[in-house]
Each structure stands twice: as C-alpha cells, then as structure tokens.
Amino acid sequence: MSFFDAFSLLREPLLASALAAVLLGYLGIFVVLRRIAFVSAALSQVSGLGVALAFYVGSFLGIDPHGESVPLYASPVVYALVLACLGSVLLGSPSRARRVNPESVVALFYLAASASVVLVLASPRIVQEAHEVGELLFGNAVAVREEHLVELAITGAAVLALHAVLFKDFLFVSFDHESARSMGYPVARLDVLLHLSLGVAVAVSTRAIGTLPVFAFLVLPAGAALLWAQRMRVVIALAVTISLLAAVFGFYLSFVYSLPTGPTMAALCALAWLPGLRLLRGHHS
C-alpha cells in the first residue's frame, strides 16, 4: 500500500503533526531568544509524565485512556495540561533562592519527570500498555483521532490569539529583559503568560505527536532560522516553514521506509542547520 492509498487512515496524525509543527515552530523563536531550550525540554518531559500518569490512573479505574469518550479525570490531555501549566508557572517565576540557580531548577524538573516516566512505565499495572505508551511519548505512534486534532487546533488558535495581542511585548521582554522592566513593562506577568502559552502548547502537542518531536520543533527550526536571517518576520516565517516541512516529509519518510515518526521529524529539523552553519563559518572567517 502506498502513502497516498493510505492517506485516509493517516490524515488525522499527519494534520496533527503539521499543526503542532506550525505552532511550536513559532513558539520556538521565543524559546531560542530567551535561551530556555532546556525549559522546553523539561516541559516536554513533564507533559509526557502527565500522559503516562493518565494510563496509570486509568488502570485503577478500569478506563482505557485510548478509548473513546474518556472522562476528564482520566484524560491524558488533562493530566499533561495540569502538570505542564504548573511547571510553566514554577519555571517562569523568578527564583528567590540565592543558592540555587535557574538552570538547577530546570534540571530538577527534567530529571525528576524523566525518571518518573520510566518508573510509571515499569509499573506492572500498565505492563501491557507500556510499549504503546512509550511509543506515544517518543513520537513513534500515529494513533491520532479526530478529537485529538480538534484539541490541538483549538489550543493552537487560543495560543496564537494571545500572541497576536501581546506579540510586541513578548518580543521586547525576550530581547531585553532589563530595559523592559525599567520602562515599566509588567515583566513578571509577561514571563508567566509566555511560559503558560508554551506549557499549554507543549502539553497538547505531546499527547498528539510525542515528546521528542515537540522538543525538536521548539528548538531546531528557530535556531536554524536565526542563522539564516536577521529580520524577525523572516525568521518566524522560516522557522514555521522548516517545522512544517520536517513534519510533512518526516511523516512521509517514516511511512515509506518504516521509520519511527518522531525521530525522523527531529532528524529533518536538525538537517536545516547545515546551510546555516556554513553561513556562520563565513561570518567568522
């Protein structure tokens, strides 16, 4: 069966990958500008923990989170959203502990969430679903239903609407934190809102396409775009385009050559850096 013959079966996961790529490719500009790449990695792992916990809780309640009409108290999206939003607020708030730097807090979140995911998946209660959940978390699964696509579309629209209103504020704070504070911008609130929008996008995208491609879309396309261009509008357009192409072609290649979907998308995102690295060498020479 060719890719186009199977398109009716692959439509939802392909559209979900494309929507997530566009949303995360745009948000990645702020991730790279603010140098919070590992914050996005931590949020991806925290969201993945939420997905794994939903299956663990469902095993006690006799509920299959993959089934239709899953109640909110067993929904992987709800668990991922709650944990990601909580993590976003905590990571976006200024630390008052002088002995602990922000990087250590990010590392704590990342390592604690990663270890917890492994422990949850190792539980005998979900041993039968562990492989399936593991594929879901790392982007190998393509089991995206219409309701997941709708959730992602609504989330993306809400996040982009917020950024349409506060884009200039988010951009100014990301470029020059101290100047924004001295000019009276509500920096703390803007930081929390930006991190919340990131957390919500990461949580819903993780449920749809997995943690690995989510992290790749948030960091690699924006980094490559910033190497290629200087004007912010061009950078955003390039980042979104790179993400979208990596999602679509990654999905196609993974089907044709029986490759894991998430790693294939991530690898294509990484390839976008190659022309930019040559430009960077040219600037230094």
C-alpha atoms as a PDB file:
ATOM      1  CA  MET A   1       0.000   0.000   0.000  1.00  0.00           C
ATOM      2  CA  SER A   2       1.397   3.396  -0.987  1.00  0.00           C
ATOM      3  CA  PHE A   3       1.356   6.503   1.180  1.00  0.00           C
ATOM      4  CA  PHE A   4      -1.401   8.084  -0.914  1.00  0.00           C
ATOM      5  CA  ASP A   5      -3.517   4.928  -0.810  1.00  0.00           C
ATOM      6  CA  ALA A   6      -3.326   5.002   2.990  1.00  0.00           C
ATOM      7  CA  PHE A   7      -3.871   8.759   3.258  1.00  0.00           C
ATOM      8  CA  SER A   8      -7.431   8.408   4.574  1.00  0.00           C
ATOM      9  CA  LEU A   9      -6.045   6.439   7.537  1.00  0.00           C
ATOM     10  CA  LEU A  10      -3.118   8.811   8.079  1.00  0.00           C
ATOM     11  CA  ARG A  11      -4.974  12.100   7.649  1.00  0.00           C
ATOM     12  CA  GLU A  12      -5.518  12.893  11.333  1.00  0.00           C
ATOM     13  CA  PRO A  13      -1.964  12.156  12.542  1.00  0.00           C
ATOM     14  CA  LEU A  14      -0.472  13.990   9.551  1.00  0.00           C
ATOM     15  CA  LEU A  15      -2.633  17.070  10.149  1.00  0.00           C
ATOM     16  CA  ALA A  16      -1.859  16.926  13.872  1.00  0.00           C
ATOM     17  CA  SER A  17       1.872  16.827  13.109  1.00  0.00           C
ATOM     18  CA  ALA A  18       1.520  19.787  10.741  1.00  0.00           C
ATOM     19  CA  LEU A  19      -0.498  21.856  13.232  1.00  0.00           C
ATOM     20  CA  ALA A  20       1.911  21.105  16.064  1.00  0.00           C
ATOM     21  CA  ALA A  21       4.871  21.955  13.827  1.00  0.00           C
ATOM     22  CA  VAL A  22       3.450  25.360  12.891  1.00  0.00           C
ATOM     23  CA  LEU A  23       2.558  26.231  16.484  1.00  0.00           C
ATOM     24  CA  LEU A  24       5.806  25.012  18.023  1.00  0.00           C
ATOM     25  CA  GLY A  25       7.932  26.419  15.211  1.00  0.00           C
ATOM     26  CA  TYR A  26       6.553  29.867  16.003  1.00  0.00           C
ATOM     27  CA  LEU A  27       6.897  29.498  19.780  1.00  0.00           C
ATOM     28  CA  GLY A  28      10.437  28.238  19.286  1.00  0.00           C
ATOM     29  CA  ILE A  29      11.514  31.784  18.393  1.00  0.00           C
ATOM     30  CA  PHE A  30      10.881  32.837  21.988  1.00  0.00           C
ATOM     31  CA  VAL A  31      12.460  29.662  23.342  1.00  0.00           C
ATOM     32  CA  VAL A  32      15.691  30.357  21.454  1.00  0.00           C
ATOM     33  CA  LEU A  33      15.736  34.124  22.038  1.00  0.00           C
ATOM     34  CA  ARG A  34      15.254  33.675  25.790  1.00  0.00           C
ATOM     35  CA  ARG A  35      17.755  30.792  25.911  1.00  0.00           C
ATOM     36  CA  ILE A  36      15.250  28.480  27.583  1.00  0.00           C
ATOM     37  CA  ALA A  37      15.699  25.454  25.336  1.00  0.00           C
ATOM     38  CA  PHE A  38      16.017  23.154  28.323  1.00  0.00           C
ATOM     39  CA  VAL A  39      12.901  24.670  29.868  1.00  0.00           C
ATOM     40  CA  SER A  40      11.024  23.412  26.809  1.00  0.00           C
ATOM     41  CA  ALA A  41      12.716  20.024  27.221  1.00  0.00           C
ATOM     42  CA  ALA A  42      11.645  19.926  30.863  1.00  0.00           C
ATOM     43  CA  LEU A  43       8.061  20.856  29.944  1.00  0.00           C
ATOM     44  CA  SER A  44       8.019  18.128  27.285  1.00  0.00           C
ATOM     45  CA  GLN A  45       9.065  15.558  29.867  1.00  0.00           C
ATOM     46  CA  VAL A  46       6.570  16.880  32.427  1.00  0.00           C
ATOM     47  CA  SER A  47       3.795  16.646  29.809  1.00  0.00           C
ATOM     48  CA  GLY A  48       4.925  13.124  28.972  1.00  0.00           C
ATOM     49  CA  LEU A  49       4.698  12.258  32.656  1.00  0.00           C
ATOM     50  CA  GLY A  50       1.107  13.506  32.612  1.00  0.00           C
ATOM     51  CA  VAL A  51       0.274  11.199  29.697  1.00  0.00           C
ATOM     52  CA  ALA A  52       1.893   8.224  31.453  1.00  0.00           C
ATOM     53  CA  LEU A  53       0.086   9.013  34.721  1.00  0.00           C
ATOM     54  CA  ALA A  54      -3.263   9.057  32.917  1.00  0.00           C
ATOM     55  CA  PHE A  55      -2.705   5.441  31.850  1.00  0.00           C
ATOM     56  CA  TYR A  56      -1.558   4.506  35.353  1.00  0.00           C
ATOM     57  CA  VAL A  57      -4.630   6.065  36.986  1.00  0.00           C
ATOM     58  CA  GLY A  58      -6.842   4.529  34.310  1.00  0.00           C
ATOM     59  CA  SER A  59      -5.567   1.078  35.281  1.00  0.00           C
ATOM     60  CA  PHE A  60      -7.064   1.557  38.765  1.00  0.00           C
ATOM     61  CA  LEU A  61     -10.353   2.921  37.421  1.00  0.00           C
ATOM     62  CA  GLY A  62     -10.764   0.355  34.650  1.00  0.00           C
ATOM     63  CA  ILE A  63     -10.603   3.092  31.984  1.00  0.00           C
ATOM     64  CA  ASP A  64      -8.641   2.929  28.749  1.00  0.00           C
ATOM     65  CA  PRO A  65      -7.310   6.458  28.049  1.00  0.00           C
ATOM     66  CA  HIS A  66      -7.043   5.458  24.383  1.00  0.00           C
ATOM     67  CA  GLY A  67     -10.748   4.709  24.248  1.00  0.00           C
ATOM     68  CA  GLU A  68     -13.497   6.998  23.074  1.00  0.00           C
ATOM     69  CA  SER A  69     -15.351   9.383  25.422  1.00  0.00           C
ATOM     70  CA  VAL A  70     -12.667   9.252  28.108  1.00  0.00           C
ATOM     71  CA  PRO A  71     -13.771  11.194  31.232  1.00  0.00           C
ATOM     72  CA  LEU A  72     -11.752  14.277  32.130  1.00  0.00           C
ATOM     73  CA  TYR A  73     -10.366  12.696  35.309  1.00  0.00           C
ATOM     74  CA  ALA A  74      -8.643  10.030  33.169  1.00  0.00           C
ATOM     75  CA  SER A  75      -7.787  12.078  30.075  1.00  0.00           C
ATOM     76  CA  PRO A  76      -4.083  12.171  29.118  1.00  0.00           C
ATOM     77  CA  VAL A  77      -4.530  15.710  27.755  1.00  0.00           C
ATOM     78  CA  VAL A  78      -5.911  16.963  31.069  1.00  0.00           C
ATOM     79  CA  TYR A  79      -3.074  15.376  33.060  1.00  0.00           C
ATOM     80  CA  ALA A  80      -0.490  16.758  30.639  1.00  0.00           C
ATOM     81  CA  LEU A  81      -2.082  20.227  30.740  1.00  0.00           C
ATOM     82  CA  VAL A  82      -2.225  20.389  34.525  1.00  0.00           C
ATOM     83  CA  LEU A  83       1.381  19.305  35.006  1.00  0.00           C
ATOM     84  CA  ALA A  84       2.694  21.453  32.137  1.00  0.00           C
ATOM     85  CA  CYS A  85       0.872  24.580  33.338  1.00  0.00           C
ATOM     86  CA  LEU A  86       2.089  24.039  36.887  1.00  0.00           C
ATOM     87  CA  GLY A  87       5.626  23.508  35.622  1.00  0.00           C
ATOM     88  CA  SER A  88       5.362  26.592  33.386  1.00  0.00           C
ATOM     89  CA  VAL A  89       4.346  28.825  36.262  1.00  0.00           C
ATOM     90  CA  LEU A  90       7.090  27.489  38.523  1.00  0.00           C
ATOM     91  CA  LEU A  91       9.796  27.716  35.865  1.00  0.00           C
ATOM     92  CA  GLY A  92       8.604  31.125  34.685  1.00  0.00           C
ATOM     93  CA  SER A  93       8.543  32.675  38.157  1.00  0.00           C
ATOM     94  CA  PRO A  94      11.757  34.339  39.368  1.00  0.00           C
ATOM     95  CA  SER A  95      13.674  32.236  41.863  1.00  0.00           C
ATOM     96  CA  ARG A  96      14.108  33.726  45.326  1.00  0.00           C
ATOM     97  CA  ALA A  97      16.676  31.170  46.397  1.00  0.00           C
ATOM     98  CA  ARG A  98      20.139  32.701  46.068  1.00  0.00           C
ATOM     99  CA  ARG A  99      21.952  29.401  46.431  1.00  0.00           C
ATOM    100  CA  VAL A 100      20.042  27.668  43.630  1.00  0.00           C
ATOM    101  CA  ASN A 101      20.347  28.990  40.080  1.00  0.00           C
ATOM    102  CA  PRO A 102      17.536  28.667  37.497  1.00  0.00           C
ATOM    103  CA  GLU A 103      19.468  26.048  35.499  1.00  0.00           C
ATOM    104  CA  SER A 104      19.480  23.733  38.506  1.00  0.00           C
ATOM    105  CA  VAL A 105      15.706  24.083  38.878  1.00  0.00           C
ATOM    106  CA  VAL A 106      15.206  23.258  35.181  1.00  0.00           C
ATOM    107  CA  ALA A 107      17.486  20.239  35.563  1.00  0.00           C
ATOM    108  CA  LEU A 108      15.464  19.140  38.593  1.00  0.00           C
ATOM    109  CA  PHE A 109      12.208  19.261  36.613  1.00  0.00           C
ATOM    110  CA  TYR A 110      13.700  17.485  33.609  1.00  0.00           C
ATOM    111  CA  LEU A 111      15.406  14.691  35.532  1.00  0.00           C
ATOM    112  CA  ALA A 112      12.557  14.161  38.001  1.00  0.00           C
ATOM    113  CA  ALA A 113       9.986  13.972  35.190  1.00  0.00           C
ATOM    114  CA  SER A 114      12.177  11.681  33.053  1.00  0.00           C
ATOM    115  CA  ALA A 115      12.819   9.304  35.948  1.00  0.00           C
ATOM    116  CA  SER A 116       9.130   9.326  36.909  1.00  0.00           C
ATOM    117  CA  VAL A 117       8.067   8.421  33.362  1.00  0.00           C
ATOM    118  CA  VAL A 118      10.396   5.419  33.393  1.00  0.00           C
ATOM    119  CA  LEU A 119       9.099   4.317  36.807  1.00  0.00           C
ATOM    120  CA  VAL A 120       5.455   4.679  35.786  1.00  0.00           C
ATOM    121  CA  LEU A 121       6.005   2.716  32.574  1.00  0.00           C
ATOM    122  CA  ALA A 122       7.766  -0.005  34.592  1.00  0.00           C
ATOM    123  CA  SER A 123       4.698  -0.498  36.779  1.00  0.00           C
ATOM    124  CA  PRO A 124       3.113  -3.971  36.480  1.00  0.00           C
ATOM    125  CA  ARG A 125      -0.287  -2.280  36.308  1.00  0.00           C
ATOM    126  CA  ILE A 126       0.346  -0.938  32.803  1.00  0.00           C
ATOM    127  CA  VAL A 127       2.843  -3.517  31.590  1.00  0.00           C
ATOM    128  CA  GLN A 128       0.584  -4.424  28.665  1.00  0.00           C
ATOM    129  CA  GLU A 129       0.276  -0.788  27.578  1.00  0.00           C
ATOM    130  CA  ALA A 130       3.860   0.248  28.412  1.00  0.00           C
ATOM    131  CA  HIS A 131       5.195  -0.245  24.883  1.00  0.00           C
ATOM    132  CA  GLU A 132       2.240   1.594  23.352  1.00  0.00           C
ATOM    133  CA  VAL A 133       2.570   4.487  25.829  1.00  0.00           C
ATOM    134  CA  GLY A 134       6.313   4.599  25.259  1.00  0.00           C
ATOM    135  CA  GLU A 135       5.764   4.928  21.507  1.00  0.00           C
ATOM    136  CA  LEU A 136       3.211   7.659  22.135  1.00  0.00           C
ATOM    137  CA  LEU A 137       5.617   9.621  24.334  1.00  0.00           C
ATOM    138  CA  PHE A 138       8.543   9.435  21.933  1.00  0.00           C
ATOM    139  CA  GLY A 139       6.548  10.059  18.785  1.00  0.00           C
ATOM    140  CA  ASN A 140       6.532   6.614  17.199  1.00  0.00           C
ATOM    141  CA  ALA A 141       2.779   6.233  17.362  1.00  0.00           C
ATOM    142  CA  VAL A 142       0.418   7.610  14.727  1.00  0.00           C
ATOM    143  CA  ALA A 143      -2.818   6.863  16.593  1.00  0.00           C
ATOM    144  CA  VAL A 144      -4.267  10.379  16.494  1.00  0.00           C
ATOM    145  CA  ARG A 145      -8.035  10.564  16.463  1.00  0.00           C
ATOM    146  CA  GLU A 146     -10.245  13.411  15.315  1.00  0.00           C
ATOM    147  CA  GLU A 147     -10.825  14.690  18.861  1.00  0.00           C
ATOM    148  CA  HIS A 148      -7.063  14.992  19.417  1.00  0.00           C
ATOM    149  CA  LEU A 149      -6.807  17.010  16.228  1.00  0.00           C
ATOM    150  CA  VAL A 150      -9.644  19.285  17.372  1.00  0.00           C
ATOM    151  CA  GLU A 151      -7.998  19.783  20.786  1.00  0.00           C
ATOM    152  CA  LEU A 152      -4.733  20.726  19.097  1.00  0.00           C
ATOM    153  CA  ALA A 153      -6.459  23.120  16.681  1.00  0.00           C
ATOM    154  CA  ILE A 154      -8.356  24.886  19.474  1.00  0.00           C
ATOM    155  CA  THR A 155      -5.240  25.137  21.626  1.00  0.00           C
ATOM    156  CA  GLY A 156      -3.178  26.473  18.744  1.00  0.00           C
ATOM    157  CA  ALA A 157      -5.810  29.089  17.902  1.00  0.00           C
ATOM    158  CA  ALA A 158      -6.012  30.233  21.544  1.00  0.00           C
ATOM    159  CA  VAL A 159      -2.216  30.453  21.952  1.00  0.00           C
ATOM    160  CA  LEU A 160      -1.750  32.311  18.662  1.00  0.00           C
ATOM    161  CA  ALA A 161      -4.591  34.706  19.561  1.00  0.00           C
ATOM    162  CA  LEU A 162      -2.821  35.541  22.839  1.00  0.00           C
ATOM    163  CA  HIS A 163       0.438  36.127  20.973  1.00  0.00           C
ATOM    164  CA  ALA A 164      -1.294  38.271  18.359  1.00  0.00           C
ATOM    165  CA  VAL A 165      -2.305  40.642  21.164  1.00  0.00           C
ATOM    166  CA  LEU A 166       0.947  40.554  23.150  1.00  0.00           C
ATOM    167  CA  PHE A 167       3.494  39.769  20.416  1.00  0.00           C
ATOM    168  CA  LYS A 168       5.430  43.051  20.677  1.00  0.00           C
ATOM    169  CA  ASP A 169       5.502  42.815  24.482  1.00  0.00           C
ATOM    170  CA  PHE A 170       6.697  39.204  24.439  1.00  0.00           C
ATOM    171  CA  LEU A 171       9.337  40.051  21.843  1.00  0.00           C
ATOM    172  CA  PHE A 172      10.641  43.106  23.708  1.00  0.00           C
ATOM    173  CA  VAL A 173      10.856  41.230  27.002  1.00  0.00           C
ATOM    174  CA  SER A 174      12.609  38.351  25.255  1.00  0.00           C
ATOM    175  CA  PHE A 175      15.190  40.640  23.645  1.00  0.00           C
ATOM    176  CA  ASP A 176      15.912  42.962  26.576  1.00  0.00           C
ATOM    177  CA  HIS A 177      14.548  41.893  29.940  1.00  0.00           C
ATOM    178  CA  GLU A 178      16.135  44.695  31.965  1.00  0.00           C
ATOM    179  CA  SER A 179      15.133  47.518  29.622  1.00  0.00           C
ATOM    180  CA  ALA A 180      11.551  46.265  29.586  1.00  0.00           C
ATOM    181  CA  ARG A 181      11.493  46.275  33.384  1.00  0.00           C
ATOM    182  CA  SER A 182      12.978  49.790  33.594  1.00  0.00           C
ATOM    183  CA  MET A 183      10.325  51.071  31.154  1.00  0.00           C
ATOM    184  CA  GLY A 184       7.521  49.792  33.346  1.00  0.00           C
ATOM    185  CA  TYR A 185       6.541  46.649  31.473  1.00  0.00           C
ATOM    186  CA  PRO A 186       4.884  44.000  33.682  1.00  0.00           C
ATOM    187  CA  VAL A 187       7.813  41.646  33.074  1.00  0.00           C
ATOM    188  CA  ALA A 188       6.838  39.037  35.664  1.00  0.00           C
ATOM    189  CA  ARG A 189       3.295  38.728  34.292  1.00  0.00           C
ATOM    190  CA  LEU A 190       4.507  38.581  30.710  1.00  0.00           C
ATOM    191  CA  ASP A 191       7.010  35.874  31.662  1.00  0.00           C
ATOM    192  CA  VAL A 192       4.299  33.779  33.287  1.00  0.00           C
ATOM    193  CA  LEU A 193       1.911  34.257  30.346  1.00  0.00           C
ATOM    194  CA  LEU A 194       4.598  33.326  27.843  1.00  0.00           C
ATOM    195  CA  HIS A 195       5.578  30.243  29.824  1.00  0.00           C
ATOM    196  CA  LEU A 196       1.912  29.276  30.223  1.00  0.00           C
ATOM    197  CA  SER A 197       1.299  29.545  26.488  1.00  0.00           C
ATOM    198  CA  LEU A 198       4.382  27.411  25.951  1.00  0.00           C
ATOM    199  CA  GLY A 199       3.257  24.868  28.537  1.00  0.00           C
ATOM    200  CA  VAL A 200      -0.241  24.544  27.080  1.00  0.00           C
ATOM    201  CA  ALA A 201       1.105  24.124  23.549  1.00  0.00           C
ATOM    202  CA  VAL A 202       3.664  21.557  24.682  1.00  0.00           C
ATOM    203  CA  ALA A 203       1.119  19.560  26.687  1.00  0.00           C
ATOM    204  CA  VAL A 204      -1.436  19.184  23.892  1.00  0.00           C
ATOM    205  CA  SER A 205       1.248  18.614  21.241  1.00  0.00           C
ATOM    206  CA  THR A 206       2.949  15.959  23.364  1.00  0.00           C
ATOM    207  CA  ARG A 207      -0.292  13.990  23.571  1.00  0.00           C
ATOM    208  CA  ALA A 208      -0.597  14.152  19.793  1.00  0.00           C
ATOM    209  CA  ILE A 209       2.966  13.628  18.476  1.00  0.00           C
ATOM    210  CA  GLY A 210       5.248  12.790  21.433  1.00  0.00           C
ATOM    211  CA  THR A 211       7.972  14.481  23.467  1.00  0.00           C
ATOM    212  CA  LEU A 212      10.897  14.098  21.054  1.00  0.00           C
ATOM    213  CA  PRO A 213       9.369  15.880  18.029  1.00  0.00           C
ATOM    214  CA  VAL A 214       7.867  18.531  20.329  1.00  0.00           C
ATOM    215  CA  PHE A 215      11.310  19.383  21.709  1.00  0.00           C
ATOM    216  CA  ALA A 216      12.810  19.300  18.197  1.00  0.00           C
ATOM    217  CA  PHE A 217      10.166  21.650  16.749  1.00  0.00           C
ATOM    218  CA  LEU A 218      10.651  24.078  19.637  1.00  0.00           C
ATOM    219  CA  VAL A 219      14.417  24.429  19.287  1.00  0.00           C
ATOM    220  CA  LEU A 220      15.899  23.339  15.956  1.00  0.00           C
ATOM    221  CA  PRO A 221      13.852  25.266  13.333  1.00  0.00           C
ATOM    222  CA  ALA A 222      14.064  28.563  15.230  1.00  0.00           C
ATOM    223  CA  GLY A 223      17.794  28.136  15.763  1.00  0.00           C
ATOM    224  CA  ALA A 224      18.349  27.444  12.071  1.00  0.00           C
ATOM    225  CA  ALA A 225      16.148  30.379  11.054  1.00  0.00           C
ATOM    226  CA  LEU A 226      18.126  32.764  13.259  1.00  0.00           C
ATOM    227  CA  LEU A 227      21.294  31.643  11.474  1.00  0.00           C
ATOM    228  CA  TRP A 228      19.734  32.279   8.071  1.00  0.00           C
ATOM    229  CA  ALA A 229      18.016  35.651   8.609  1.00  0.00           C
ATOM    230  CA  GLN A 230      18.040  38.770  10.779  1.00  0.00           C
ATOM    231  CA  ARG A 231      14.617  40.362  10.240  1.00  0.00           C
ATOM    232  CA  MET A 232      12.208  38.937  12.778  1.00  0.00           C
ATOM    233  CA  ARG A 233       9.338  38.423  10.332  1.00  0.00           C
ATOM    234  CA  VAL A 234      11.624  36.450   8.028  1.00  0.00           C
ATOM    235  CA  VAL A 235      12.951  34.433  10.966  1.00  0.00           C
ATOM    236  CA  ILE A 236       9.435  33.492  12.077  1.00  0.00           C
ATOM    237  CA  ALA A 237       8.398  32.568   8.536  1.00  0.00           C
ATOM    238  CA  LEU A 238      11.499  30.407   8.106  1.00  0.00           C
ATOM    239  CA  ALA A 239      11.075  28.669  11.470  1.00  0.00           C
ATOM    240  CA  VAL A 240       7.436  27.809  10.742  1.00  0.00           C
ATOM    241  CA  THR A 241       8.284  26.645   7.211  1.00  0.00           C
ATOM    242  CA  ILE A 242      11.147  24.426   8.390  1.00  0.00           C
ATOM    243  CA  SER A 243       8.936  22.885  11.077  1.00  0.00           C
ATOM    244  CA  LEU A 244       6.081  22.258   8.660  1.00  0.00           C
ATOM    245  CA  LEU A 245       8.320  20.690   6.001  1.00  0.00           C
ATOM    246  CA  ALA A 246      10.026  18.498   8.612  1.00  0.00           C
ATOM    247  CA  ALA A 247       6.637  17.316   9.878  1.00  0.00           C
ATOM    248  CA  VAL A 248       5.168  16.512   6.468  1.00  0.00           C
ATOM    249  CA  PHE A 249       8.255  14.946   4.896  1.00  0.00           C
ATOM    250  CA  GLY A 250       9.185  13.211   8.157  1.00  0.00           C
ATOM    251  CA  PHE A 251       5.773  11.618   8.271  1.00  0.00           C
ATOM    252  CA  TYR A 252       6.059  10.572   4.625  1.00  0.00           C
ATOM    253  CA  LEU A 253       9.549   9.100   5.019  1.00  0.00           C
ATOM    254  CA  SER A 254       8.594   7.274   8.192  1.00  0.00           C
ATOM    255  CA  PHE A 255       5.717   5.574   6.354  1.00  0.00           C
ATOM    256  CA  VAL A 256       7.653   4.711   3.200  1.00  0.00           C
ATOM    257  CA  TYR A 257      10.759   3.385   4.953  1.00  0.00           C
ATOM    258  CA  SER A 258       9.088   2.077   8.151  1.00  0.00           C
ATOM    259  CA  LEU A 259      10.983   4.546  10.350  1.00  0.00           C
ATOM    260  CA  PRO A 260       9.863   5.867  13.750  1.00  0.00           C
ATOM    261  CA  THR A 261       7.895   9.040  13.079  1.00  0.00           C
ATOM    262  CA  GLY A 262       9.172  11.304  15.869  1.00  0.00           C
ATOM    263  CA  PRO A 263      12.917  10.723  15.381  1.00  0.00           C
ATOM    264  CA  THR A 264      12.527  11.133  11.606  1.00  0.00           C
ATOM    265  CA  MET A 265      10.913  14.551  12.063  1.00  0.00           C
ATOM    266  CA  ALA A 266      13.584  15.561  14.581  1.00  0.00           C
ATOM    267  CA  ALA A 267      16.376  14.481  12.212  1.00  0.00           C
ATOM    268  CA  LEU A 268      14.936  16.590   9.389  1.00  0.00           C
ATOM    269  CA  CYS A 269      14.756  19.582  11.719  1.00  0.00           C
ATOM    270  CA  ALA A 270      18.439  19.078  12.523  1.00  0.00           C
ATOM    271  CA  LEU A 271      19.336  18.947   8.809  1.00  0.00           C
ATOM    272  CA  ALA A 272      18.022  22.509   8.446  1.00  0.00           C
ATOM    273  CA  TRP A 273      21.060  23.686  10.423  1.00  0.00           C
ATOM    274  CA  LEU A 274      23.572  22.577   7.788  1.00  0.00           C
ATOM    275  CA  PRO A 275      23.240  25.570   5.395  1.00  0.00           C
ATOM    276  CA  GLY A 276      23.111  27.917   8.376  1.00  0.00           C
ATOM    277  CA  LEU A 277      26.347  26.521   9.793  1.00  0.00           C
ATOM    278  CA  ARG A 278      28.085  27.284   6.514  1.00  0.00           C
ATOM    279  CA  LEU A 279      26.818  30.865   6.708  1.00  0.00           C
ATOM    280  CA  LEU A 280      28.040  31.073  10.302  1.00  0.00           C
ATOM    281  CA  ARG A 281      31.508  29.912   9.261  1.00  0.00           C
ATOM    282  CA  GLY A 282      31.524  32.518   6.542  1.00  0.00           C
ATOM    283  CA  HIS A 283      30.834  35.288   9.068  1.00  0.00           C
ATOM    284  CA  HIS A 284      33.679  34.152  11.317  1.00  0.00           C
ATOM    285  CA  SER A 285      36.234  33.751   8.530  1.00  0.00           C
END
